[in-house]
């Protein structure tokens, strides 16, 4: 009775893995469609549940692993958008433990397949969150440096005036200004070098 139960259980396991007792083989079924990019399994080696015998790249999406700087831990959350080149993805997980060697936490995100994505390549991504209240975005060409300060030239009734601003970073040709400019104000995006020279000459 016990022997029959043991045989029945082993037969059930073989069926789960598409195994064939007569030939001693079984079939691994991939959970996703894609391309096999790595294989750690070898004939005659044992297989356990702690390692992946094969690595498959999905044909329609990629998973990104990134190092999130310690200063951003707690401000980046799942659901935020990321960008790699022209591709946009979504943050899926953010670690809460900082690696003492890199002073960063692990961030994971998904990206759709595209020409900018190459499996295994080291790259950098941009993470997007809600802008602070009062922040505005201007073309990066509007921002210049005068006497060690970031400034933009703002249109006034008498011409143009330099305005000191605080930059929150740039991406895709646009710069986020945290202070110094109000929504709706007109800024100079072409000819800032000439205006800068005039301002320095005064």
N, C-alpha and C. Protein backbone atom coordinates (compact mmCIF):
# COMPACT_ATOMS: atom_id res chain seq x y z
N UNK A 1 0.83 -1.20 0.00
CA UNK A 1 0.00 0.00 0.00
C UNK A 1 0.87 1.26 0.00
N UNK A 2 1.88 1.22 0.90
CA UNK A 2 2.79 2.36 0.99
C UNK A 2 3.56 2.53 -0.31
N UNK A 3 3.97 1.42 -0.92
CA UNK A 3 4.71 1.49 -2.18
C UNK A 3 3.86 2.08 -3.29
N UNK A 4 2.56 1.69 -3.34
CA UNK A 4 1.68 2.23 -4.37
C UNK A 4 1.47 3.73 -4.18
N UNK A 5 1.36 4.18 -2.92
CA UNK A 5 1.21 5.61 -2.64
C UNK A 5 2.45 6.39 -3.09
N UNK A 6 3.64 5.77 -2.86
CA UNK A 6 4.88 6.44 -3.25
C UNK A 6 4.98 6.54 -4.77
N UNK A 7 4.61 5.48 -5.46
CA UNK A 7 4.64 5.50 -6.93
C UNK A 7 3.65 6.51 -7.47
N UNK A 8 2.46 6.58 -6.85
CA UNK A 8 1.44 7.52 -7.30
C UNK A 8 1.91 8.96 -7.13
N UNK A 9 2.59 9.25 -6.01
CA UNK A 9 3.09 10.60 -5.77
C UNK A 9 4.18 10.97 -6.76
N UNK A 10 5.09 10.05 -7.02
CA UNK A 10 6.16 10.32 -7.99
C UNK A 10 5.59 10.48 -9.40
N UNK A 11 4.54 9.73 -9.72
CA UNK A 11 3.90 9.88 -11.02
C UNK A 11 3.25 11.25 -11.13
N UNK A 12 2.65 11.71 -10.04
CA UNK A 12 2.02 13.03 -10.04
C UNK A 12 3.06 14.12 -10.28
N UNK A 13 4.21 14.00 -9.62
CA UNK A 13 5.27 14.99 -9.78
C UNK A 13 5.79 14.98 -11.21
N UNK A 14 5.93 13.79 -11.79
CA UNK A 14 6.39 13.70 -13.18
C UNK A 14 5.42 14.38 -14.12
N UNK A 15 4.12 14.21 -13.86
CA UNK A 15 3.13 14.85 -14.72
C UNK A 15 3.19 16.37 -14.60
N UNK A 16 3.48 16.89 -13.40
CA UNK A 16 3.56 18.32 -13.19
C UNK A 16 4.69 18.96 -13.99
N UNK A 17 5.77 18.22 -14.18
CA UNK A 17 6.93 18.77 -14.90
C UNK A 17 7.05 18.19 -16.30
N UNK A 18 5.97 17.59 -16.78
CA UNK A 18 6.00 16.95 -18.10
C UNK A 18 7.12 15.92 -18.19
N UNK A 19 7.31 15.18 -17.11
CA UNK A 19 8.38 14.18 -17.08
C UNK A 19 7.96 12.86 -17.66
N UNK A 20 8.95 12.07 -18.02
CA UNK A 20 8.74 10.74 -18.59
C UNK A 20 9.62 9.76 -17.83
N UNK A 21 8.99 8.93 -17.00
CA UNK A 21 9.74 7.99 -16.19
C UNK A 21 10.58 7.02 -16.98
N UNK A 22 10.07 6.59 -18.14
CA UNK A 22 10.80 5.61 -18.93
C UNK A 22 12.13 6.13 -19.45
N UNK A 23 12.18 7.39 -19.86
CA UNK A 23 13.41 7.96 -20.42
C UNK A 23 14.20 8.77 -19.41
N UNK A 24 13.59 9.07 -18.26
CA UNK A 24 14.29 9.85 -17.25
C UNK A 24 14.44 11.31 -17.62
N UNK A 25 13.54 11.82 -18.46
CA UNK A 25 13.62 13.22 -18.87
C UNK A 25 12.39 13.97 -18.42
N UNK A 26 12.51 15.26 -18.37
CA UNK A 26 11.35 16.10 -18.09
C UNK A 26 11.51 17.41 -18.83
N UNK A 27 10.40 18.12 -18.98
CA UNK A 27 10.38 19.36 -19.76
C UNK A 27 10.16 20.55 -18.85
N UNK A 28 11.02 21.56 -18.99
CA UNK A 28 10.83 22.82 -18.28
C UNK A 28 9.98 23.74 -19.15
N UNK A 29 8.86 24.19 -18.62
CA UNK A 29 7.98 25.08 -19.36
C UNK A 29 8.20 26.51 -18.91
N UNK A 30 8.54 27.39 -19.86
CA UNK A 30 8.78 28.79 -19.52
C UNK A 30 7.48 29.48 -19.18
N UNK A 31 7.46 30.31 -18.12
CA UNK A 31 6.23 31.02 -17.76
C UNK A 31 5.92 32.20 -18.66
N UNK A 32 6.91 32.63 -19.46
CA UNK A 32 6.71 33.77 -20.37
C UNK A 32 7.33 33.44 -21.72
N UNK A 33 6.89 34.17 -22.75
CA UNK A 33 7.52 34.06 -24.06
C UNK A 33 8.73 34.98 -24.10
N UNK A 34 9.81 34.53 -24.70
CA UNK A 34 11.00 35.37 -24.76
C UNK A 34 12.19 34.62 -25.33
N UNK A 35 13.37 35.16 -25.03
CA UNK A 35 14.61 34.60 -25.54
C UNK A 35 15.48 34.16 -24.37
N UNK A 36 16.01 32.93 -24.43
CA UNK A 36 16.89 32.42 -23.39
C UNK A 36 18.23 33.13 -23.49
N UNK A 37 18.63 33.82 -22.42
CA UNK A 37 19.89 34.55 -22.43
C UNK A 37 20.91 34.00 -21.44
N UNK A 38 20.51 33.01 -20.66
CA UNK A 38 21.45 32.41 -19.71
C UNK A 38 20.98 31.03 -19.29
N UNK A 39 21.93 30.14 -19.05
CA UNK A 39 21.61 28.79 -18.61
C UNK A 39 22.66 28.33 -17.61
N UNK A 40 22.22 27.97 -16.41
CA UNK A 40 23.14 27.51 -15.37
C UNK A 40 23.04 26.01 -15.14
N UNK A 41 22.07 25.36 -15.76
CA UNK A 41 21.86 23.93 -15.55
C UNK A 41 22.78 23.13 -16.47
N UNK A 42 23.28 22.02 -15.97
CA UNK A 42 24.15 21.13 -16.74
C UNK A 42 23.68 19.69 -16.57
N UNK A 43 23.92 18.89 -17.59
CA UNK A 43 23.52 17.48 -17.53
C UNK A 43 24.20 16.80 -16.34
N UNK A 44 23.40 16.09 -15.55
CA UNK A 44 23.93 15.37 -14.41
C UNK A 44 23.99 16.16 -13.13
N UNK A 45 23.76 17.47 -13.20
CA UNK A 45 23.80 18.30 -12.00
C UNK A 45 22.44 18.33 -11.33
N UNK A 46 22.40 18.41 -10.00
CA UNK A 46 21.11 18.49 -9.31
C UNK A 46 20.46 19.85 -9.53
N UNK A 47 19.13 19.89 -9.46
CA UNK A 47 18.37 21.12 -9.61
C UNK A 47 17.55 21.33 -8.35
N UNK A 48 17.66 22.53 -7.78
CA UNK A 48 16.85 22.82 -6.59
C UNK A 48 16.00 24.06 -6.87
N UNK A 49 15.25 24.47 -5.88
CA UNK A 49 14.34 25.59 -6.07
C UNK A 49 14.93 26.94 -5.73
N UNK A 50 16.23 27.00 -5.46
CA UNK A 50 16.84 28.27 -5.06
C UNK A 50 17.55 28.98 -6.20
N UNK A 51 17.76 28.30 -7.31
CA UNK A 51 18.46 28.92 -8.44
C UNK A 51 17.62 28.77 -9.71
N UNK A 52 17.81 29.68 -10.63
CA UNK A 52 17.08 29.64 -11.90
C UNK A 52 17.92 28.88 -12.92
N UNK A 53 17.43 27.77 -13.44
CA UNK A 53 18.21 27.02 -14.43
C UNK A 53 18.40 27.78 -15.73
N UNK A 54 17.42 28.64 -16.07
CA UNK A 54 17.51 29.45 -17.28
C UNK A 54 17.06 30.87 -16.98
N UNK A 55 17.61 31.82 -17.73
CA UNK A 55 17.18 33.22 -17.67
C UNK A 55 16.55 33.56 -19.01
N UNK A 56 15.33 34.08 -18.97
CA UNK A 56 14.59 34.40 -20.20
C UNK A 56 14.28 35.89 -20.24
N UNK A 57 14.63 36.53 -21.33
CA UNK A 57 14.24 37.92 -21.55
C UNK A 57 12.88 37.95 -22.22
N UNK A 58 11.93 38.62 -21.58
CA UNK A 58 10.59 38.74 -22.16
C UNK A 58 10.66 39.54 -23.46
N UNK A 59 9.81 39.20 -24.40
CA UNK A 59 9.85 39.88 -25.70
C UNK A 59 9.20 41.25 -25.65
N UNK A 60 8.36 41.52 -24.63
CA UNK A 60 7.62 42.77 -24.62
C UNK A 60 7.93 43.67 -23.43
N UNK A 61 8.78 43.24 -22.51
CA UNK A 61 9.08 44.08 -21.36
C UNK A 61 10.42 43.65 -20.73
N UNK A 62 10.97 44.56 -19.96
CA UNK A 62 12.22 44.31 -19.25
C UNK A 62 12.06 44.74 -17.80
N UNK A 63 12.85 44.11 -16.93
CA UNK A 63 12.92 44.55 -15.55
C UNK A 63 14.25 45.27 -15.35
N UNK A 64 14.19 46.44 -14.75
CA UNK A 64 15.37 47.25 -14.50
C UNK A 64 15.70 47.19 -13.02
N UNK A 65 16.98 46.96 -12.69
CA UNK A 65 17.46 47.05 -11.32
C UNK A 65 18.42 48.22 -11.24
N UNK A 66 18.17 49.12 -10.31
CA UNK A 66 18.98 50.33 -10.21
C UNK A 66 19.38 50.58 -8.77
N UNK A 67 20.45 51.36 -8.61
CA UNK A 67 20.89 51.77 -7.28
C UNK A 67 20.32 53.15 -7.00
N UNK A 68 19.46 53.23 -6.00
CA UNK A 68 18.84 54.48 -5.61
C UNK A 68 19.69 55.16 -4.54
N UNK A 69 20.19 56.38 -4.79
CA UNK A 69 21.03 57.06 -3.80
C UNK A 69 20.34 57.15 -2.44
N UNK A 70 21.14 57.07 -1.41
CA UNK A 70 20.61 57.08 -0.04
C UNK A 70 19.72 58.29 0.23
N UNK A 71 20.07 59.46 -0.33
CA UNK A 71 19.31 60.68 -0.07
C UNK A 71 17.90 60.63 -0.65
N UNK A 72 17.65 59.69 -1.60
CA UNK A 72 16.33 59.60 -2.23
C UNK A 72 15.47 58.49 -1.62
N UNK A 73 16.06 57.70 -0.72
CA UNK A 73 15.28 56.64 -0.07
C UNK A 73 14.18 57.28 0.77
N UNK A 74 12.96 56.86 0.55
CA UNK A 74 11.82 57.43 1.25
C UNK A 74 11.05 58.44 0.41
N UNK A 75 11.70 58.95 -0.66
CA UNK A 75 11.01 59.90 -1.53
C UNK A 75 10.58 59.26 -2.85
N UNK A 76 11.19 58.12 -3.20
CA UNK A 76 10.81 57.39 -4.41
C UNK A 76 9.96 56.20 -4.01
N UNK A 77 8.82 56.03 -4.68
CA UNK A 77 7.86 55.00 -4.30
C UNK A 77 7.40 54.21 -5.53
N UNK A 78 6.94 52.97 -5.32
CA UNK A 78 6.35 52.21 -6.44
C UNK A 78 5.21 53.00 -7.08
N UNK A 79 5.14 52.92 -8.41
CA UNK A 79 4.12 53.65 -9.15
C UNK A 79 4.67 54.89 -9.82
N UNK A 80 5.81 55.39 -9.37
CA UNK A 80 6.42 56.55 -10.02
C UNK A 80 6.92 56.15 -11.41
N UNK A 81 7.03 57.14 -12.27
CA UNK A 81 7.49 56.90 -13.64
C UNK A 81 9.00 56.96 -13.73
N UNK A 82 9.56 56.18 -14.67
CA UNK A 82 10.98 56.27 -14.97
C UNK A 82 11.12 56.47 -16.47
N UNK A 83 12.30 56.91 -16.88
CA UNK A 83 12.57 57.08 -18.31
C UNK A 83 13.97 56.58 -18.62
N UNK A 84 14.06 55.82 -19.70
CA UNK A 84 15.33 55.39 -20.24
C UNK A 84 15.31 55.73 -21.72
N UNK A 85 16.04 56.78 -22.09
CA UNK A 85 15.95 57.26 -23.46
C UNK A 85 14.55 57.79 -23.71
N UNK A 86 13.89 57.25 -24.72
CA UNK A 86 12.52 57.66 -25.03
C UNK A 86 11.48 56.75 -24.40
N UNK A 87 11.93 55.68 -23.73
CA UNK A 87 11.01 54.72 -23.14
C UNK A 87 10.60 55.15 -21.73
N UNK A 88 9.34 54.96 -21.40
CA UNK A 88 8.83 55.25 -20.07
C UNK A 88 8.40 53.96 -19.39
N UNK A 89 8.73 53.82 -18.13
CA UNK A 89 8.37 52.65 -17.37
C UNK A 89 7.83 53.04 -16.01
N UNK A 90 7.71 52.05 -15.11
CA UNK A 90 7.10 52.26 -13.81
C UNK A 90 7.93 51.59 -12.72
N UNK A 91 8.14 52.29 -11.62
CA UNK A 91 8.82 51.73 -10.46
C UNK A 91 7.90 50.67 -9.84
N UNK A 92 8.45 49.47 -9.61
CA UNK A 92 7.66 48.39 -9.02
C UNK A 92 8.03 48.09 -7.57
N UNK A 93 9.27 48.40 -7.17
CA UNK A 93 9.69 48.11 -5.80
C UNK A 93 10.89 49.00 -5.44
N UNK A 94 10.94 49.40 -4.18
CA UNK A 94 12.05 50.20 -3.68
C UNK A 94 12.50 49.61 -2.35
N UNK A 95 13.79 49.29 -2.25
CA UNK A 95 14.32 48.72 -1.03
C UNK A 95 14.40 49.77 0.08
N UNK A 96 14.42 49.30 1.32
CA UNK A 96 14.52 50.19 2.48
C UNK A 96 15.84 50.01 3.22
N UNK A 97 16.68 49.11 2.72
CA UNK A 97 17.98 48.86 3.34
C UNK A 97 19.08 49.48 2.48
N UNK A 98 19.94 50.28 3.08
CA UNK A 98 21.02 50.94 2.36
C UNK A 98 22.27 50.07 2.40
N UNK A 99 22.84 49.79 1.24
CA UNK A 99 24.08 49.04 1.13
C UNK A 99 25.22 49.92 1.65
N UNK A 100 25.95 49.48 2.67
CA UNK A 100 27.02 50.33 3.23
C UNK A 100 28.16 50.59 2.24
N UNK A 101 28.33 49.72 1.25
CA UNK A 101 29.42 49.90 0.28
C UNK A 101 29.07 50.94 -0.77
N UNK A 102 27.82 50.94 -1.24
CA UNK A 102 27.42 51.86 -2.31
C UNK A 102 26.59 53.03 -1.80
N UNK A 103 26.15 52.97 -0.52
CA UNK A 103 25.28 53.99 0.05
C UNK A 103 24.04 54.19 -0.81
N UNK A 104 23.46 53.07 -1.23
CA UNK A 104 22.27 53.12 -2.07
C UNK A 104 21.36 51.96 -1.72
N UNK A 105 20.10 52.05 -2.14
CA UNK A 105 19.12 50.98 -1.97
C UNK A 105 18.72 50.46 -3.35
N UNK A 106 18.17 49.26 -3.38
CA UNK A 106 17.77 48.65 -4.64
C UNK A 106 16.43 49.20 -5.11
N UNK A 107 16.37 49.52 -6.39
CA UNK A 107 15.12 49.96 -7.02
C UNK A 107 14.85 49.03 -8.19
N UNK A 108 13.61 48.60 -8.34
CA UNK A 108 13.21 47.78 -9.48
C UNK A 108 12.09 48.47 -10.23
N UNK A 109 12.13 48.32 -11.56
CA UNK A 109 11.11 48.94 -12.40
C UNK A 109 10.92 48.10 -13.64
N UNK A 110 9.82 48.31 -14.34
CA UNK A 110 9.57 47.63 -15.61
C UNK A 110 9.60 48.64 -16.74
N UNK A 111 10.06 48.15 -17.89
CA UNK A 111 10.13 48.97 -19.09
C UNK A 111 9.61 48.16 -20.26
N UNK A 112 8.94 48.79 -21.21
CA UNK A 112 8.57 48.07 -22.43
C UNK A 112 9.81 47.82 -23.27
N UNK A 113 9.76 46.82 -24.13
CA UNK A 113 10.88 46.53 -25.01
C UNK A 113 11.08 47.69 -25.99
N UNK A 114 12.32 47.94 -26.33
CA UNK A 114 12.62 49.01 -27.28
C UNK A 114 14.09 49.00 -27.63
N UNK A 115 14.46 49.79 -28.63
CA UNK A 115 15.84 49.78 -29.11
C UNK A 115 16.81 50.31 -28.07
N UNK A 116 16.32 51.10 -27.10
CA UNK A 116 17.20 51.67 -26.08
C UNK A 116 17.56 50.66 -25.00
N UNK A 117 16.90 49.51 -24.98
CA UNK A 117 17.10 48.53 -23.92
C UNK A 117 17.93 47.36 -24.44
N UNK A 118 19.03 47.09 -23.76
CA UNK A 118 19.85 45.92 -24.06
C UNK A 118 20.04 45.16 -22.76
N UNK A 119 19.63 43.91 -22.72
CA UNK A 119 19.69 43.12 -21.50
C UNK A 119 21.12 43.03 -20.99
N UNK A 120 21.29 43.28 -19.68
CA UNK A 120 22.59 43.15 -19.05
C UNK A 120 23.46 44.38 -19.12
N UNK A 121 23.05 45.40 -19.86
CA UNK A 121 23.88 46.60 -20.00
C UNK A 121 23.70 47.53 -18.80
N UNK A 122 24.81 48.13 -18.34
CA UNK A 122 24.74 49.13 -17.28
C UNK A 122 24.35 50.47 -17.90
N UNK A 123 23.40 51.13 -17.30
CA UNK A 123 22.93 52.41 -17.82
C UNK A 123 22.40 53.23 -16.66
N UNK A 124 21.77 54.33 -16.94
CA UNK A 124 21.15 55.15 -15.90
C UNK A 124 19.73 55.48 -16.32
N UNK A 125 18.87 55.67 -15.33
CA UNK A 125 17.48 55.99 -15.58
C UNK A 125 17.12 57.27 -14.83
N UNK A 126 16.06 57.91 -15.27
CA UNK A 126 15.53 59.08 -14.58
C UNK A 126 14.22 58.69 -13.92
N UNK A 127 14.02 59.12 -12.68
CA UNK A 127 12.79 58.84 -11.93
C UNK A 127 12.01 60.14 -11.81
N UNK A 128 10.71 60.07 -12.08
CA UNK A 128 9.86 61.26 -12.06
C UNK A 128 8.82 61.14 -10.94
N UNK A 129 8.74 62.20 -10.15
CA UNK A 129 7.73 62.27 -9.11
C UNK A 129 6.98 63.58 -9.22
N UNK A 130 6.00 63.81 -8.38
CA UNK A 130 5.25 65.06 -8.43
C UNK A 130 6.16 66.24 -8.10
N UNK A 131 6.03 67.32 -8.85
CA UNK A 131 6.85 68.52 -8.62
C UNK A 131 6.38 69.25 -7.37
N UNK A 132 7.30 69.90 -6.66
CA UNK A 132 6.90 70.68 -5.48
C UNK A 132 5.96 71.81 -5.87
N UNK A 133 5.17 72.25 -4.93
CA UNK A 133 4.23 73.35 -5.17
C UNK A 133 5.00 74.60 -5.60
N UNK A 134 4.53 75.24 -6.65
CA UNK A 134 5.15 76.46 -7.12
C UNK A 134 6.27 76.26 -8.12
N UNK A 135 6.67 75.02 -8.36
CA UNK A 135 7.75 74.75 -9.31
C UNK A 135 7.23 74.92 -10.74
N UNK A 136 8.11 75.35 -11.62
CA UNK A 136 7.76 75.50 -13.02
C UNK A 136 8.86 74.86 -13.86
N UNK A 137 8.51 74.48 -15.07
CA UNK A 137 9.46 73.87 -15.99
C UNK A 137 9.69 74.82 -17.16
N UNK A 138 10.99 75.03 -17.49
CA UNK A 138 11.34 75.93 -18.60
C UNK A 138 12.34 75.22 -19.50
N UNK A 139 12.46 75.63 -20.76
CA UNK A 139 13.51 75.06 -21.62
C UNK A 139 14.88 75.27 -20.99
N UNK A 140 15.72 74.26 -21.05
CA UNK A 140 17.04 74.34 -20.43
C UNK A 140 17.88 75.47 -21.00
N UNK A 141 17.60 75.86 -22.25
CA UNK A 141 18.35 76.95 -22.87
C UNK A 141 18.09 78.29 -22.19
N UNK A 142 17.02 78.38 -21.38
CA UNK A 142 16.71 79.63 -20.69
C UNK A 142 17.57 79.84 -19.46
N UNK A 143 18.18 78.78 -18.95
CA UNK A 143 18.95 78.85 -17.71
C UNK A 143 20.42 79.08 -18.02
N UNK A 144 21.01 80.09 -17.41
CA UNK A 144 22.43 80.37 -17.57
C UNK A 144 23.02 80.70 -16.21
N UNK A 145 24.31 80.97 -16.16
CA UNK A 145 24.98 81.24 -14.89
C UNK A 145 25.56 82.64 -14.91
N UNK A 146 25.30 83.39 -13.85
CA UNK A 146 25.80 84.75 -13.74
C UNK A 146 26.31 84.97 -12.32
N UNK A 147 27.60 85.29 -12.21
CA UNK A 147 28.23 85.52 -10.90
C UNK A 147 28.05 84.33 -9.96
N UNK A 148 28.10 83.11 -10.53
CA UNK A 148 28.00 81.91 -9.71
C UNK A 148 26.60 81.47 -9.38
N UNK A 149 25.60 82.15 -9.91
CA UNK A 149 24.21 81.81 -9.63
C UNK A 149 23.49 81.40 -10.90
N UNK A 150 22.57 80.44 -10.79
CA UNK A 150 21.70 80.09 -11.91
C UNK A 150 20.66 81.20 -12.06
N UNK A 151 20.50 81.69 -13.30
CA UNK A 151 19.53 82.75 -13.55
C UNK A 151 18.76 82.47 -14.83
N UNK A 152 17.64 83.13 -14.97
CA UNK A 152 16.93 83.21 -16.25
C UNK A 152 16.62 84.68 -16.48
N UNK A 153 16.49 85.06 -17.74
CA UNK A 153 16.10 86.42 -18.07
C UNK A 153 14.59 86.45 -18.28
N UNK A 154 13.93 87.32 -17.52
CA UNK A 154 12.47 87.41 -17.53
C UNK A 154 12.05 88.67 -18.28
N UNK A 155 11.02 88.53 -19.08
CA UNK A 155 10.49 89.68 -19.83
C UNK A 155 9.80 90.65 -18.87
N UNK A 156 10.17 91.94 -18.98
CA UNK A 156 9.56 92.98 -18.15
C UNK A 156 9.05 94.09 -19.07
N UNK A 157 8.43 95.08 -18.46
CA UNK A 157 7.90 96.21 -19.23
C UNK A 157 9.02 97.02 -19.88
N UNK A 158 10.23 96.98 -19.29
CA UNK A 158 11.36 97.76 -19.79
C UNK A 158 12.37 96.91 -20.55
N UNK A 159 12.05 95.65 -20.83
CA UNK A 159 13.00 94.78 -21.54
C UNK A 159 13.10 93.42 -20.87
N UNK A 160 14.33 93.11 -20.43
CA UNK A 160 14.56 91.82 -19.80
C UNK A 160 15.40 92.01 -18.54
N UNK A 161 15.09 91.26 -17.50
CA UNK A 161 15.81 91.37 -16.24
C UNK A 161 16.27 89.99 -15.79
N UNK A 162 17.51 89.90 -15.25
CA UNK A 162 17.98 88.60 -14.74
C UNK A 162 17.26 88.26 -13.43
N UNK A 163 16.92 87.01 -13.29
CA UNK A 163 16.22 86.55 -12.09
C UNK A 163 16.93 85.31 -11.55
N UNK A 164 17.38 85.36 -10.31
CA UNK A 164 18.04 84.22 -9.69
C UNK A 164 17.02 83.10 -9.46
N UNK A 165 17.40 81.86 -9.81
CA UNK A 165 16.49 80.72 -9.69
C UNK A 165 17.20 79.56 -8.98
N UNK A 166 16.41 78.63 -8.50
CA UNK A 166 16.93 77.39 -7.92
C UNK A 166 16.51 76.24 -8.81
N UNK A 167 17.48 75.53 -9.36
CA UNK A 167 17.19 74.44 -10.29
C UNK A 167 16.98 73.13 -9.56
N UNK A 168 15.99 72.37 -10.04
CA UNK A 168 15.73 71.06 -9.46
C UNK A 168 16.13 69.92 -10.36
N UNK A 169 16.92 70.22 -11.41
CA UNK A 169 17.37 69.17 -12.32
C UNK A 169 16.80 69.33 -13.70
N UNK A 170 17.46 68.68 -14.66
CA UNK A 170 17.06 68.78 -16.07
C UNK A 170 16.86 67.42 -16.67
N UNK A 171 15.97 67.34 -17.66
CA UNK A 171 15.74 66.10 -18.39
C UNK A 171 14.97 66.41 -19.66
N UNK A 172 15.41 65.80 -20.76
CA UNK A 172 14.68 65.95 -22.01
C UNK A 172 14.62 67.37 -22.52
N UNK A 173 15.67 68.18 -22.25
CA UNK A 173 15.69 69.55 -22.73
C UNK A 173 14.91 70.53 -21.89
N UNK A 174 14.36 70.09 -20.76
CA UNK A 174 13.61 70.97 -19.87
C UNK A 174 14.27 70.96 -18.49
N UNK A 175 14.20 72.09 -17.80
CA UNK A 175 14.77 72.23 -16.46
C UNK A 175 13.66 72.62 -15.49
N UNK A 176 13.62 71.95 -14.34
CA UNK A 176 12.64 72.24 -13.31
C UNK A 176 13.20 73.33 -12.39
N UNK A 177 12.47 74.41 -12.24
CA UNK A 177 12.87 75.51 -11.36
C UNK A 177 12.02 75.47 -10.10
N UNK A 178 12.69 75.37 -8.96
CA UNK A 178 11.98 75.25 -7.70
C UNK A 178 11.56 76.60 -7.15
N UNK A 179 12.27 77.65 -7.53
CA UNK A 179 11.92 79.00 -7.07
C UNK A 179 12.49 80.02 -8.03
N UNK A 180 11.97 81.25 -7.95
CA UNK A 180 12.49 82.35 -8.76
C UNK A 180 11.59 82.74 -9.90
N UNK A 181 10.75 81.84 -10.37
CA UNK A 181 9.87 82.11 -11.50
C UNK A 181 8.44 81.72 -11.13
N UNK A 182 7.50 82.56 -11.54
CA UNK A 182 6.09 82.25 -11.30
C UNK A 182 5.46 81.70 -12.58
N UNK A 183 4.49 80.80 -12.45
CA UNK A 183 3.80 80.30 -13.64
C UNK A 183 3.23 81.43 -14.48
N UNK A 184 3.44 81.36 -15.79
CA UNK A 184 2.92 82.37 -16.69
C UNK A 184 3.92 83.44 -17.09
N UNK A 185 5.03 83.57 -16.33
CA UNK A 185 6.03 84.56 -16.69
C UNK A 185 6.77 84.12 -17.95
N UNK A 186 7.15 85.08 -18.78
CA UNK A 186 7.85 84.80 -20.03
C UNK A 186 9.36 84.89 -19.80
N UNK A 187 10.09 83.88 -20.28
CA UNK A 187 11.53 83.85 -20.12
C UNK A 187 12.21 83.80 -21.48
N UNK A 188 13.46 84.23 -21.52
CA UNK A 188 14.24 84.23 -22.75
C UNK A 188 14.87 82.87 -22.95
N UNK A 189 14.70 82.29 -24.13
CA UNK A 189 15.31 80.99 -24.43
C UNK A 189 16.37 81.08 -25.53
N UNK A 190 16.38 82.19 -26.28
CA UNK A 190 17.36 82.40 -27.36
C UNK A 190 18.03 83.75 -27.14
N UNK A 191 19.37 83.78 -27.26
CA UNK A 191 20.09 85.04 -27.09
C UNK A 191 20.47 85.34 -25.66
N UNK A 192 20.46 84.34 -24.79
CA UNK A 192 20.80 84.57 -23.38
C UNK A 192 22.26 84.98 -23.22
N UNK A 193 23.15 84.54 -24.13
CA UNK A 193 24.57 84.90 -24.01
C UNK A 193 24.76 86.40 -24.17
N UNK A 194 24.04 87.00 -25.11
CA UNK A 194 24.15 88.45 -25.32
C UNK A 194 23.60 89.21 -24.12
N UNK A 195 22.46 88.76 -23.58
CA UNK A 195 21.90 89.42 -22.41
C UNK A 195 22.81 89.28 -21.19
N UNK A 196 23.47 88.13 -21.09
CA UNK A 196 24.39 87.90 -19.99
C UNK A 196 25.58 88.86 -20.08
N UNK A 197 26.10 89.05 -21.31
CA UNK A 197 27.22 89.97 -21.50
C UNK A 197 26.83 91.39 -21.13
N UNK A 198 25.61 91.80 -21.48
CA UNK A 198 25.15 93.15 -21.14
C UNK A 198 25.01 93.31 -19.63
N UNK A 199 24.49 92.26 -18.96
CA UNK A 199 24.32 92.32 -17.52
C UNK A 199 25.66 92.40 -16.81
N UNK A 200 26.67 91.71 -17.31
CA UNK A 200 28.00 91.74 -16.70
C UNK A 200 28.71 93.07 -16.92
N UNK A 201 28.35 93.77 -18.02
CA UNK A 201 28.99 95.03 -18.34
C UNK A 201 28.47 96.19 -17.50
N UNK A 202 27.33 95.99 -16.87
CA UNK A 202 26.73 97.09 -16.09
C UNK A 202 27.45 97.26 -14.76
